[in-house]
Amino acid sequence: MELADRAVGFLLSLISLSMFTYYTFWVIILPFVDSDHFIHKYFLPQEFAILVPVFAGVALLCFLCFSIGFVMLKSKKKKA
């Protein structure tokens, strides 16, 4: 089981690092590259650089609120 946990942790770390690298390159380096360069076809337009993290943050906040609310309702039913 320990090997499987390490493999999952390594995979999650690799995915997080690749997403961080992609986003950093997209937001910080890409604006300084000419707009007709071929590298621009691998990235979304710059507007999405703000929209994607905002949408992910709102989705995470909603998920946390619903989870906390569900746990509070479940614990209230156990007391009654």
Protein backbone atom coordinates (compact mmCIF):
# COMPACT_ATOMS: atom_id res chain seq x y z
CA MET A 1 0.00 0.00 0.00
CA GLU A 2 2.87 2.37 0.74
CA LEU A 3 4.17 2.04 -2.82
CA ALA A 4 0.75 2.92 -4.26
CA ASP A 5 0.51 5.97 -2.01
CA ARG A 6 3.95 7.12 -3.10
CA ALA A 7 3.02 6.62 -6.75
CA VAL A 8 -0.16 8.66 -6.36
CA GLY A 9 1.74 11.38 -4.51
CA PHE A 10 4.40 11.47 -7.22
CA LEU A 11 1.74 11.65 -9.93
CA LEU A 12 -0.10 14.49 -8.18
CA SER A 13 3.17 16.37 -7.67
CA LEU A 14 4.07 15.92 -11.33
CA ILE A 15 0.65 17.16 -12.48
CA SER A 16 0.81 20.16 -10.13
CA LEU A 17 4.31 21.08 -11.26
CA SER A 18 3.38 20.83 -14.92
CA MET A 19 0.24 22.97 -14.42
CA PHE A 20 2.27 25.57 -12.51
CA THR A 21 4.93 25.65 -15.23
CA TYR A 22 2.34 25.94 -18.01
CA TYR A 23 0.43 28.74 -16.26
CA THR A 24 3.61 30.64 -15.34
CA PHE A 25 4.87 30.48 -18.91
CA TRP A 26 1.44 31.49 -20.21
CA VAL A 27 1.07 34.52 -17.92
CA ILE A 28 4.63 35.79 -17.46
CA ILE A 29 6.65 34.86 -20.54
CA LEU A 30 4.12 34.62 -23.38
CA PRO A 31 3.19 38.35 -23.45
CA PHE A 32 6.80 39.13 -24.39
CA VAL A 33 6.79 36.72 -27.37
CA ASP A 34 5.73 38.01 -30.78
CA SER A 35 2.07 37.33 -31.50
CA ASP A 36 2.84 35.59 -34.81
CA HIS A 37 5.19 33.09 -33.16
CA PHE A 38 4.16 29.42 -33.41
CA ILE A 39 4.17 28.95 -29.62
CA HIS A 40 0.94 30.96 -29.30
CA LYS A 41 -1.10 28.13 -30.83
CA TYR A 42 -0.44 25.99 -27.73
CA PHE A 43 -2.02 28.49 -25.33
CA LEU A 44 -5.48 29.94 -24.83
CA PRO A 45 -6.05 33.70 -25.23
CA GLN A 46 -4.80 35.91 -22.37
CA GLU A 47 -8.35 36.60 -21.11
CA PHE A 48 -8.58 33.02 -19.94
CA ALA A 49 -5.48 33.50 -17.77
CA ILE A 50 -7.73 35.30 -15.30
CA LEU A 51 -11.02 33.51 -15.96
CA VAL A 52 -9.74 29.97 -15.39
CA PRO A 53 -8.30 30.55 -11.88
CA VAL A 54 -11.32 32.64 -10.85
CA PHE A 55 -13.70 29.91 -12.01
CA ALA A 56 -11.63 27.24 -10.24
CA GLY A 57 -11.60 29.29 -7.04
CA VAL A 58 -15.37 29.86 -7.10
CA ALA A 59 -15.97 26.16 -7.78
CA LEU A 60 -13.67 25.20 -4.89
CA LEU A 61 -15.38 27.67 -2.56
CA CYS A 62 -18.83 26.34 -3.52
CA PHE A 63 -17.67 22.76 -2.98
CA LEU A 64 -16.29 23.62 0.46
CA CYS A 65 -19.47 25.44 1.46
CA PHE A 66 -21.68 22.55 0.35
CA SER A 67 -19.43 20.05 2.12
CA ILE A 68 -19.47 21.99 5.38
CA GLY A 69 -23.23 22.47 5.13
CA PHE A 70 -23.77 18.77 4.48
CA VAL A 71 -21.63 17.81 7.48
CA MET A 72 -23.45 20.31 9.70
CA LEU A 73 -26.87 18.97 8.65
CA LYS A 74 -25.73 15.40 9.13
CA SER A 75 -24.36 16.08 12.61
CA LYS A 76 -27.55 17.95 13.55
CA LYS A 77 -29.67 14.91 12.62
CA LYS A 78 -27.52 12.65 14.80
CA LYS A 79 -28.06 14.86 17.89
CA ALA A 80 -31.84 14.89 17.48
